[in-house]
C-alpha atoms as a PDB file:
ATOM      1  CA  UNK A   1      34.116 -52.453-108.021  1.00  0.00           C
ATOM      2  CA  UNK A   2      36.391 -53.440-105.132  1.00  0.00           C
ATOM      3  CA  UNK A   3      33.490 -53.008-102.708  1.00  0.00           C
ATOM      4  CA  UNK A   4      31.310 -55.299-104.825  1.00  0.00           C
ATOM      5  CA  UNK A   5      34.009 -58.002-104.924  1.00  0.00           C
ATOM      6  CA  UNK A   6      34.456 -57.784-101.149  1.00  0.00           C
ATOM      7  CA  UNK A   7      30.699 -58.050-100.627  1.00  0.00           C
ATOM      8  CA  UNK A   8      30.537 -61.146-102.825  1.00  0.00           C
ATOM      9  CA  UNK A   9      33.413 -62.757-100.931  1.00  0.00           C
ATOM     10  CA  UNK A  10      31.741 -61.971 -97.631  1.00  0.00           C
ATOM     11  CA  UNK A  11      28.514 -63.634 -98.778  1.00  0.00           C
ATOM     12  CA  UNK A  12      30.295 -66.740-100.034  1.00  0.00           C
ATOM     13  CA  UNK A  13      32.705 -67.091 -97.103  1.00  0.00           C
ATOM     14  CA  UNK A  14      31.676 -66.358 -93.512  1.00  0.00           C
ATOM     15  CA  UNK A  15      33.593 -63.688 -91.653  1.00  0.00           C
ATOM     16  CA  UNK A  16      35.250 -66.374 -89.517  1.00  0.00           C
ATOM     17  CA  UNK A  17      37.309 -67.490 -92.518  1.00  0.00           C
ATOM     18  CA  UNK A  18      38.995 -64.115 -92.674  1.00  0.00           C
ATOM     19  CA  UNK A  19      39.790 -63.800 -89.006  1.00  0.00           C
ATOM     20  CA  UNK A  20      38.854 -65.706 -85.895  1.00  0.00           C
ATOM     21  CA  UNK A  21      38.055 -63.047 -83.302  1.00  0.00           C
ATOM     22  CA  UNK A  22      37.524 -65.649 -80.590  1.00  0.00           C
ATOM     23  CA  UNK A  23      37.564 -69.424 -80.398  1.00  0.00           C
ATOM     24  CA  UNK A  24      34.999 -70.759 -77.925  1.00  0.00           C
ATOM     25  CA  UNK A  25      35.497 -74.281 -76.573  1.00  0.00           C
ATOM     26  CA  UNK A  26      32.909 -76.026 -74.430  1.00  0.00           C
ATOM     27  CA  UNK A  27      33.542 -78.187 -71.387  1.00  0.00           C
ATOM     28  CA  UNK A  28      31.243 -80.856 -70.007  1.00  0.00           C
ATOM     29  CA  UNK A  29      30.341 -80.363 -66.314  1.00  0.00           C
ATOM     30  CA  UNK A  30      32.522 -82.827 -64.390  1.00  0.00           C
ATOM     31  CA  UNK A  31      33.121 -81.195 -61.000  1.00  0.00           C
ATOM     32  CA  UNK A  32      32.701 -77.868 -59.194  1.00  0.00           C
ATOM     33  CA  UNK A  33      32.529 -75.347 -62.049  1.00  0.00           C
ATOM     34  CA  UNK A  34      34.924 -72.906 -60.365  1.00  0.00           C
ATOM     35  CA  UNK A  35      37.526 -75.635 -59.830  1.00  0.00           C
ATOM     36  CA  UNK A  36      37.071 -76.880 -63.376  1.00  0.00           C
ATOM     37  CA  UNK A  37      37.409 -73.395 -64.847  1.00  0.00           C
ATOM     38  CA  UNK A  38      40.517 -72.664 -62.751  1.00  0.00           C
ATOM     39  CA  UNK A  39      42.011 -75.871 -64.131  1.00  0.00           C
ATOM     40  CA  UNK A  40      41.372 -74.872 -67.757  1.00  0.00           C
ATOM     41  CA  UNK A  41      42.011 -71.112 -67.643  1.00  0.00           C
ATOM     42  CA  UNK A  42      45.816 -71.517 -68.062  1.00  0.00           C
ATOM     43  CA  UNK A  43      45.202 -73.680 -71.153  1.00  0.00           C
ATOM     44  CA  UNK A  44      43.029 -70.943 -72.667  1.00  0.00           C
ATOM     45  CA  UNK A  45      45.797 -68.385 -72.040  1.00  0.00           C
ATOM     46  CA  UNK A  46      48.432 -70.721 -73.508  1.00  0.00           C
ATOM     47  CA  UNK A  47      46.423 -71.368 -76.677  1.00  0.00           C
ATOM     48  CA  UNK A  48      45.650 -67.654 -77.015  1.00  0.00           C
ATOM     49  CA  UNK A  49      49.352 -66.805 -76.843  1.00  0.00           C
ATOM     50  CA  UNK A  50      50.396 -69.483 -79.332  1.00  0.00           C
ATOM     51  CA  UNK A  51      47.546 -68.889 -81.796  1.00  0.00           C
ATOM     52  CA  UNK A  52      47.434 -65.112 -81.619  1.00  0.00           C
ATOM     53  CA  UNK A  53      43.648 -65.438 -81.327  1.00  0.00           C
ATOM     54  CA  UNK A  54      41.660 -65.318 -78.107  1.00  0.00           C
ATOM     55  CA  UNK A  55      40.605 -68.754 -76.871  1.00  0.00           C
ATOM     56  CA  UNK A  56      37.901 -69.021 -74.230  1.00  0.00           C
ATOM     57  CA  UNK A  57      36.421 -72.001 -72.391  1.00  0.00           C
ATOM     58  CA  UNK A  58      32.835 -72.233 -71.225  1.00  0.00           C
ATOM     59  CA  UNK A  59      31.227 -74.862 -68.987  1.00  0.00           C
ATOM     60  CA  UNK A  60      27.727 -75.932 -69.970  1.00  0.00           C
ATOM     61  CA  UNK A  61      25.138 -76.882 -67.367  1.00  0.00           C
ATOM     62  CA  UNK A  62      24.353 -80.271 -68.918  1.00  0.00           C
ATOM     63  CA  UNK A  63      26.224 -82.823 -71.009  1.00  0.00           C
ATOM     64  CA  UNK A  64      23.629 -82.616 -73.779  1.00  0.00           C
ATOM     65  CA  UNK A  65      23.915 -78.808 -73.912  1.00  0.00           C
ATOM     66  CA  UNK A  66      27.514 -79.129 -75.136  1.00  0.00           C
ATOM     67  CA  UNK A  67      26.368 -81.343 -78.003  1.00  0.00           C
ATOM     68  CA  UNK A  68      23.462 -79.019 -78.859  1.00  0.00           C
ATOM     69  CA  UNK A  69      25.654 -75.924 -79.004  1.00  0.00           C
ATOM     70  CA  UNK A  70      28.305 -77.745 -81.014  1.00  0.00           C
ATOM     71  CA  UNK A  71      25.604 -78.819 -83.456  1.00  0.00           C
ATOM     72  CA  UNK A  72      24.171 -75.290 -83.775  1.00  0.00           C
ATOM     73  CA  UNK A  73      27.670 -73.851 -84.328  1.00  0.00           C
ATOM     74  CA  UNK A  74      27.499 -71.695 -81.219  1.00  0.00           C
ATOM     75  CA  UNK A  75      30.827 -73.218 -80.173  1.00  0.00           C
ATOM     76  CA  UNK A  76      33.982 -73.810 -82.184  1.00  0.00           C
ATOM     77  CA  UNK A  77      35.013 -76.905 -80.291  1.00  0.00           C
ATOM     78  CA  UNK A  78      34.329 -78.991 -77.214  1.00  0.00           C
ATOM     79  CA  UNK A  79      35.958 -81.469 -74.880  1.00  0.00           C
ATOM     80  CA  UNK A  80      33.443 -84.309 -74.977  1.00  0.00           C
ATOM     81  CA  UNK A  81      33.164 -87.268 -72.654  1.00  0.00           C
ATOM     82  CA  UNK A  82      33.078 -90.804 -74.071  1.00  0.00           C
ATOM     83  CA  UNK A  83      29.349 -90.915 -74.767  1.00  0.00           C
ATOM     84  CA  UNK A  84      29.099 -87.380 -76.156  1.00  0.00           C
ATOM     85  CA  UNK A  85      32.196 -88.085 -78.290  1.00  0.00           C
ATOM     86  CA  UNK A  86      30.460 -91.053 -79.875  1.00  0.00           C
ATOM     87  CA  UNK A  87      27.205 -89.110 -80.280  1.00  0.00           C
ATOM     88  CA  UNK A  88      29.189 -86.339 -82.004  1.00  0.00           C
ATOM     89  CA  UNK A  89      30.806 -88.867 -84.357  1.00  0.00           C
ATOM     90  CA  UNK A  90      27.639 -90.835 -85.101  1.00  0.00           C
ATOM     91  CA  UNK A  91      25.059 -88.039 -85.221  1.00  0.00           C
ATOM     92  CA  UNK A  92      27.180 -85.074 -86.403  1.00  0.00           C
ATOM     93  CA  UNK A  93      29.939 -86.858 -88.351  1.00  0.00           C
ATOM     94  CA  UNK A  94      32.504 -85.014 -86.208  1.00  0.00           C
ATOM     95  CA  UNK A  95      36.136 -86.089 -85.932  1.00  0.00           C
ATOM     96  CA  UNK A  96      38.165 -86.402 -82.696  1.00  0.00           C
ATOM     97  CA  UNK A  97      41.336 -84.293 -82.457  1.00  0.00           C
ATOM     98  CA  UNK A  98      43.271 -85.017 -79.228  1.00  0.00           C
ATOM     99  CA  UNK A  99      42.774 -86.314 -75.719  1.00  0.00           C
ATOM    100  CA  UNK A 100      44.906 -85.943 -72.573  1.00  0.00           C
ATOM    101  CA  UNK A 101      47.256 -88.476 -71.012  1.00  0.00           C
ATOM    102  CA  UNK A 102      46.992 -88.692 -67.232  1.00  0.00           C
ATOM    103  CA  UNK A 103      49.972 -88.133 -64.935  1.00  0.00           C
ATOM    104  CA  UNK A 104      50.262 -91.898 -64.400  1.00  0.00           C
ATOM    105  CA  UNK A 105      50.715 -92.396 -68.150  1.00  0.00           C
ATOM    106  CA  UNK A 106      47.219 -93.700 -68.847  1.00  0.00           C
ATOM    107  CA  UNK A 107      44.896 -92.001 -71.303  1.00  0.00           C
ATOM    108  CA  UNK A 108      41.754 -93.740 -70.150  1.00  0.00           C
ATOM    109  CA  UNK A 109      39.159 -93.563 -67.390  1.00  0.00           C
ATOM    110  CA  UNK A 110      36.733 -96.000 -65.790  1.00  0.00           C
ATOM    111  CA  UNK A 111      33.242 -95.832 -64.393  1.00  0.00           C
ATOM    112  CA  UNK A 112      32.925 -96.538 -60.669  1.00  0.00           C
ATOM    113  CA  UNK A 113      29.798 -97.736 -58.888  1.00  0.00           C
ATOM    114  CA  UNK A 114      30.103 -96.848 -55.213  1.00  0.00           C
ATOM    115  CA  UNK A 115      28.211 -96.762 -51.919  1.00  0.00           C
ATOM    116  CA  UNK A 116      28.847 -95.700 -48.341  1.00  0.00           C
ATOM    117  CA  UNK A 117      30.776 -98.289 -46.330  1.00  0.00           C
ATOM    118  CA  UNK A 118      28.085 -98.258 -43.654  1.00  0.00           C
ATOM    119  CA  UNK A 119      25.256 -98.889 -46.148  1.00  0.00           C
ATOM    120  CA  UNK A 120      25.337-102.716 -46.000  1.00  0.00           C
ATOM    121  CA  UNK A 121      25.080-102.742 -49.804  1.00  0.00           C
ATOM    122  CA  UNK A 122      27.432-105.389 -51.161  1.00  0.00           C
ATOM    123  CA  UNK A 123      25.876-106.224 -54.514  1.00  0.00           C
ATOM    124  CA  UNK A 124      22.948-105.647 -56.848  1.00  0.00           C
ATOM    125  CA  UNK A 125      20.665-107.781 -54.685  1.00  0.00           C
ATOM    126  CA  UNK A 126      21.069-105.232 -51.874  1.00  0.00           C
ATOM    127  CA  UNK A 127      20.245-102.243 -54.109  1.00  0.00           C
ATOM    128  CA  UNK A 128      16.544-102.992 -54.571  1.00  0.00           C
ATOM    129  CA  UNK A 129      14.386-100.199 -53.186  1.00  0.00           C
ATOM    130  CA  UNK A 130      17.389 -97.905 -52.680  1.00  0.00           C
ATOM    131  CA  UNK A 131      18.162 -94.443 -54.132  1.00  0.00           C
ATOM    132  CA  UNK A 132      20.623 -94.187 -57.007  1.00  0.00           C
ATOM    133  CA  UNK A 133      22.337 -91.052 -58.330  1.00  0.00           C
ATOM    134  CA  UNK A 134      23.518 -90.855 -61.929  1.00  0.00           C
ATOM    135  CA  UNK A 135      25.326 -87.952 -63.600  1.00  0.00           C
ATOM    136  CA  UNK A 136      23.578 -87.466 -66.958  1.00  0.00           C
ATOM    137  CA  UNK A 137      21.994 -89.635 -69.643  1.00  0.00           C
ATOM    138  CA  UNK A 138      24.740 -88.562 -72.075  1.00  0.00           C
ATOM    139  CA  UNK A 139      27.654 -90.036 -70.116  1.00  0.00           C
ATOM    140  CA  UNK A 140      29.110 -93.547 -70.077  1.00  0.00           C
ATOM    141  CA  UNK A 141      30.953 -93.318 -66.775  1.00  0.00           C
ATOM    142  CA  UNK A 142      28.066 -91.613 -65.007  1.00  0.00           C
ATOM    143  CA  UNK A 143      25.147 -93.562 -66.471  1.00  0.00           C
ATOM    144  CA  UNK A 144      25.473 -96.001 -69.364  1.00  0.00           C
ATOM    145  CA  UNK A 145      27.983 -98.413 -67.800  1.00  0.00           C
ATOM    146  CA  UNK A 146      25.833 -98.783 -64.684  1.00  0.00           C
ATOM    147  CA  UNK A 147      22.747 -99.343 -66.839  1.00  0.00           C
ATOM    148  CA  UNK A 148      24.624-102.129 -68.640  1.00  0.00           C
ATOM    149  CA  UNK A 149      25.951-103.539 -65.344  1.00  0.00           C
ATOM    150  CA  UNK A 150      22.452-103.711 -63.857  1.00  0.00           C
ATOM    151  CA  UNK A 151      20.902-105.167 -66.984  1.00  0.00           C
ATOM    152  CA  UNK A 152      23.446-108.007 -67.068  1.00  0.00           C
ATOM    153  CA  UNK A 153      22.387-108.826 -63.501  1.00  0.00           C
ATOM    154  CA  UNK A 154      18.674-108.965 -64.185  1.00  0.00           C
ATOM    155  CA  UNK A 155      17.577-105.365 -63.597  1.00  0.00           C
ATOM    156  CA  UNK A 156      15.570-104.572 -66.730  1.00  0.00           C
ATOM    157  CA  UNK A 157      13.685-101.546 -65.408  1.00  0.00           C
ATOM    158  CA  UNK A 158      15.641 -99.323 -62.988  1.00  0.00           C
ATOM    159  CA  UNK A 159      12.540 -97.167 -62.390  1.00  0.00           C
ATOM    160  CA  UNK A 160      10.837-100.162 -60.805  1.00  0.00           C
ATOM    161  CA  UNK A 161      13.941-101.556 -59.095  1.00  0.00           C
ATOM    162  CA  UNK A 162      15.027 -98.349 -57.300  1.00  0.00           C
ATOM    163  CA  UNK A 163      12.918 -96.181 -55.012  1.00  0.00           C
ATOM    164  CA  UNK A 164      14.443 -93.004 -56.443  1.00  0.00           C
ATOM    165  CA  UNK A 165      16.578 -92.116 -59.476  1.00  0.00           C
ATOM    166  CA  UNK A 166      18.300 -88.738 -59.720  1.00  0.00           C
ATOM    167  CA  UNK A 167      20.623 -87.049 -62.211  1.00  0.00           C
ATOM    168  CA  UNK A 168      22.993 -84.655 -60.470  1.00  0.00           C
ATOM    169  CA  UNK A 169      24.561 -83.062 -63.563  1.00  0.00           C
ATOM    170  CA  UNK A 170      28.216 -83.646 -62.632  1.00  0.00           C
ATOM    171  CA  UNK A 171      30.465 -86.450 -61.400  1.00  0.00           C
ATOM    172  CA  UNK A 172      31.493 -84.459 -58.333  1.00  0.00           C
ATOM    173  CA  UNK A 173      27.874 -83.808 -57.353  1.00  0.00           C
ATOM    174  CA  UNK A 174      27.067 -87.523 -57.603  1.00  0.00           C
ATOM    175  CA  UNK A 175      30.016 -88.431 -55.379  1.00  0.00           C
ATOM    176  CA  UNK A 176      28.943 -85.910 -52.741  1.00  0.00           C
ATOM    177  CA  UNK A 177      25.308 -87.038 -52.978  1.00  0.00           C
ATOM    178  CA  UNK A 178      26.355 -90.514 -51.791  1.00  0.00           C
ATOM    179  CA  UNK A 179      28.903 -89.195 -49.300  1.00  0.00           C
ATOM    180  CA  UNK A 180      26.280 -86.921 -47.705  1.00  0.00           C
ATOM    181  CA  UNK A 181      23.605 -89.632 -47.636  1.00  0.00           C
ATOM    182  CA  UNK A 182      21.289 -88.059 -50.218  1.00  0.00           C
ATOM    183  CA  UNK A 183      21.680 -91.175 -52.403  1.00  0.00           C
ATOM    184  CA  UNK A 184      22.545 -94.774 -51.525  1.00  0.00           C
ATOM    185  CA  UNK A 185      24.356 -95.690 -54.760  1.00  0.00           C
ATOM    186  CA  UNK A 186      26.319 -93.508 -57.157  1.00  0.00           C
ATOM    187  CA  UNK A 187      28.208 -93.870 -60.403  1.00  0.00           C
ATOM    188  CA  UNK A 188      30.932 -91.499 -61.617  1.00  0.00           C
ATOM    189  CA  UNK A 189      34.185 -91.118 -63.531  1.00  0.00           C
ATOM    190  CA  UNK A 190      37.243 -92.649 -61.821  1.00  0.00           C
ATOM    191  CA  UNK A 191      39.430 -89.614 -62.550  1.00  0.00           C
ATOM    192  CA  UNK A 192      37.070 -87.227 -60.748  1.00  0.00           C
ATOM    193  CA  UNK A 193      36.622 -89.711 -57.881  1.00  0.00           C
ATOM    194  CA  UNK A 194      40.380 -89.794 -57.244  1.00  0.00           C
ATOM    195  CA  UNK A 195      40.845 -86.045 -57.751  1.00  0.00           C
ATOM    196  CA  UNK A 196      38.223 -85.304 -55.107  1.00  0.00           C
ATOM    197  CA  UNK A 197      39.503 -88.037 -52.780  1.00  0.00           C
ATOM    198  CA  UNK A 198      42.880 -86.253 -52.660  1.00  0.00           C
ATOM    199  CA  UNK A 199      41.173 -83.140 -51.319  1.00  0.00           C
ATOM    200  CA  UNK A 200      38.344 -84.722 -49.332  1.00  0.00           C
ATOM    201  CA  UNK A 201      39.753 -87.455 -47.084  1.00  0.00           C
ATOM    202  CA  UNK A 202      36.265 -88.661 -46.107  1.00  0.00           C
ATOM    203  CA  UNK A 203      35.628 -89.892 -49.671  1.00  0.00           C
ATOM    204  CA  UNK A 204      38.292 -92.567 -49.306  1.00  0.00           C
ATOM    205  CA  UNK A 205      37.345 -93.262 -45.696  1.00  0.00           C
ATOM    206  CA  UNK A 206      33.562 -93.472 -46.066  1.00  0.00           C
ATOM    207  CA  UNK A 207      32.913 -94.688 -49.625  1.00  0.00           C
ATOM    208  CA  UNK A 208      33.633 -98.078 -51.143  1.00  0.00           C
ATOM    209  CA  UNK A 209      33.750 -99.014 -54.829  1.00  0.00           C
ATOM    210  CA  UNK A 210      31.531-101.978 -55.723  1.00  0.00           C
ATOM    211  CA  UNK A 211      32.305-102.210 -59.441  1.00  0.00           C
ATOM    212  CA  UNK A 212      34.651-100.782 -62.065  1.00  0.00           C
ATOM    213  CA  UNK A 213      34.097-100.693 -65.811  1.00  0.00           C
ATOM    214  CA  UNK A 214      36.662-101.438 -68.474  1.00  0.00           C
ATOM    215  CA  UNK A 215      38.723 -98.449 -69.598  1.00  0.00           C
ATOM    216  CA  UNK A 216      37.403 -95.748 -71.922  1.00  0.00           C
ATOM    217  CA  UNK A 217      39.160 -92.750 -73.526  1.00  0.00           C
ATOM    218  CA  UNK A 218      39.245 -89.614 -71.366  1.00  0.00           C
ATOM    219  CA  UNK A 219      37.745 -86.277 -72.472  1.00  0.00           C
ATOM    220  CA  UNK A 220      38.406 -85.731 -76.178  1.00  0.00           C
ATOM    221  CA  UNK A 221      38.664 -82.453 -78.070  1.00  0.00           C
ATOM    222  CA  UNK A 222      36.528 -82.026 -81.171  1.00  0.00           C
ATOM    223  CA  UNK A 223      36.653 -78.974 -83.460  1.00  0.00           C
ATOM    224  CA  UNK A 224      33.986 -77.850 -85.901  1.00  0.00           C
ATOM    225  CA  UNK A 225      34.666 -79.014 -89.439  1.00  0.00           C
ATOM    226  CA  UNK A 226      33.976 -75.566 -90.865  1.00  0.00           C
ATOM    227  CA  UNK A 227      36.751 -73.946 -88.856  1.00  0.00           C
ATOM    228  CA  UNK A 228      39.540 -72.862 -91.235  1.00  0.00           C
ATOM    229  CA  UNK A 229      41.812 -75.903 -91.785  1.00  0.00           C
ATOM    230  CA  UNK A 230      44.896 -73.877 -90.840  1.00  0.00           C
ATOM    231  CA  UNK A 231      43.422 -73.060 -87.420  1.00  0.00           C
ATOM    232  CA  UNK A 232      42.318 -76.663 -86.809  1.00  0.00           C
ATOM    233  CA  UNK A 233      45.835 -77.840 -87.637  1.00  0.00           C
ATOM    234  CA  UNK A 234      47.444 -75.147 -85.476  1.00  0.00           C
ATOM    235  CA  UNK A 235      45.358 -76.026 -82.427  1.00  0.00           C
ATOM    236  CA  UNK A 236      46.106 -79.725 -82.842  1.00  0.00           C
ATOM    237  CA  UNK A 237      49.852 -79.145 -83.245  1.00  0.00           C
ATOM    238  CA  UNK A 238      50.037 -76.747 -80.278  1.00  0.00           C
ATOM    239  CA  UNK A 239      48.347 -79.275 -77.995  1.00  0.00           C
ATOM    240  CA  UNK A 240      50.414 -82.221 -79.244  1.00  0.00           C
ATOM    241  CA  UNK A 241      53.691 -80.376 -78.656  1.00  0.00           C
ATOM    242  CA  UNK A 242      52.971 -78.496 -75.427  1.00  0.00           C
ATOM    243  CA  UNK A 243      54.745 -81.111 -73.280  1.00  0.00           C
ATOM    244  CA  UNK A 244      57.960 -80.163 -75.075  1.00  0.00           C
ATOM    245  CA  UNK A 245      58.229 -76.622 -73.691  1.00  0.00           C
ATOM    246  CA  UNK A 246      58.432 -75.472 -70.060  1.00  0.00           C
ATOM    247  CA  UNK A 247      55.380 -73.215 -70.166  1.00  0.00           C
ATOM    248  CA  UNK A 248      53.294 -75.954 -71.742  1.00  0.00           C
ATOM    249  CA  UNK A 249      54.329 -78.468 -69.085  1.00  0.00           C
ATOM    250  CA  UNK A 250      53.217 -76.066 -66.332  1.00  0.00           C
ATOM    251  CA  UNK A 251      49.809 -75.743 -67.992  1.00  0.00           C
ATOM    252  CA  UNK A 252      49.550 -79.531 -68.262  1.00  0.00           C
ATOM    253  CA  UNK A 253      50.235 -79.847 -64.528  1.00  0.00           C
ATOM    254  CA  UNK A 254      47.192 -77.663 -63.850  1.00  0.00           C
ATOM    255  CA  UNK A 255      45.161 -80.086 -65.946  1.00  0.00           C
ATOM    256  CA  UNK A 256      46.721 -83.024 -64.065  1.00  0.00           C
ATOM    257  CA  UNK A 257      47.889 -84.330 -67.440  1.00  0.00           C
ATOM    258  CA  UNK A 258      51.235 -85.408 -68.869  1.00  0.00           C
ATOM    259  CA  UNK A 259      50.574 -84.543 -72.522  1.00  0.00           C
ATOM    260  CA  UNK A 260      47.992 -84.627 -75.289  1.00  0.00           C
ATOM    261  CA  UNK A 261      47.945 -87.419 -77.867  1.00  0.00           C
ATOM    262  CA  UNK A 262      46.131 -87.725 -81.163  1.00  0.00           C
ATOM    263  CA  UNK A 263      42.640 -89.216 -80.885  1.00  0.00           C
ATOM    264  CA  UNK A 264      41.231 -91.817 -83.275  1.00  0.00           C
ATOM    265  CA  UNK A 265      37.720 -93.115 -83.875  1.00  0.00           C
ATOM    266  CA  UNK A 266      38.937 -96.631 -83.062  1.00  0.00           C
ATOM    267  CA  UNK A 267      39.669 -95.471 -79.483  1.00  0.00           C
ATOM    268  CA  UNK A 268      35.936 -95.593 -78.805  1.00  0.00           C
ATOM    269  CA  UNK A 269      35.270 -99.222 -79.770  1.00  0.00           C
ATOM    270  CA  UNK A 270      34.776-100.348 -76.122  1.00  0.00           C
ATOM    271  CA  UNK A 271      31.859 -97.931 -75.880  1.00  0.00           C
ATOM    272  CA  UNK A 272      29.856 -99.679 -78.593  1.00  0.00           C
ATOM    273  CA  UNK A 273      30.063-102.984 -76.715  1.00  0.00           C
ATOM    274  CA  UNK A 274      28.687-101.331 -73.561  1.00  0.00           C
ATOM    275  CA  UNK A 275      25.954 -99.573 -75.565  1.00  0.00           C
ATOM    276  CA  UNK A 276      24.856-102.878 -77.071  1.00  0.00           C
ATOM    277  CA  UNK A 277      24.618-104.491 -73.624  1.00  0.00           C
ATOM    278  CA  UNK A 278      22.563-101.544 -72.387  1.00  0.00           C
ATOM    279  CA  UNK A 279      20.241-101.718 -75.398  1.00  0.00           C
ATOM    280  CA  UNK A 280      21.316 -98.295 -76.733  1.00  0.00           C
ATOM    281  CA  UNK A 281      21.160 -97.403 -80.447  1.00  0.00           C
ATOM    282  CA  UNK A 282      23.650 -94.536 -80.719  1.00  0.00           C
ATOM    283  CA  UNK A 283      22.470 -92.971 -83.996  1.00  0.00           C
ATOM    284  CA  UNK A 284      18.949 -92.432 -82.657  1.00  0.00           C
ATOM    285  CA  UNK A 285      19.679 -92.076 -78.936  1.00  0.00           C
ATOM    286  CA  UNK A 286      17.799 -89.223 -77.217  1.00  0.00           C
ATOM    287  CA  UNK A 287      20.214 -87.812 -74.666  1.00  0.00           C
ATOM    288  CA  UNK A 288      17.793 -85.311 -73.089  1.00  0.00           C
END
């Protein structure tokens, strides 16, 4: 009889409800994957220790892959960028949990449009016939803002306007594509631009920023709605309080963050204005 009851419970409730063997959280590809993983590994260890359940991070090859795996329940959570956050909210009815606060006290990022200083490109009029490098179609800072920027200045069809359009897959790769002369114009997240500029002096010396977007929320953590509520709450509370203990502050330093703060849907309002200017309908947008 006991075996029958257990079997019925198992069929009604997935095994994950009884015990989370591992919590897998996805990361969007922003920079060199080894650097990015080194930055997040201490956070995985910290969460594992506090939760008593193994937490592991994985970096997906494309922005859209993170959304796909979140949708198919192959991941328990993900740190989404601005665009993928909004896609998750609009297309999957997901809810934001927390996002990081930078060391300077800001919790936002910008999109930069940049060129080499020796390129003689000073504005949109000089970009015609040039090569542009984007990051991915599912990112605001590495694609959508620039699309909006160009459209406001009369560029309705980038495929006709530019001689070559490429998608590098990460913000770091786009920055290096312009630095190395493989692209004439690039667009990337301000946070990654400055992180790399600290390590690579030539970025500051040889690149110039032509335009900056308004501010958007930084990477935001989402958790699957069917995770046990107690675990969702635990993860949120651990992240929100980690700046209050010494070990947590050391982990935050690795992330180049001051703390985590609670995320709200209203944080993403600036995105919708950019999407409208770029002619994007979020609910039906094809990010592949």
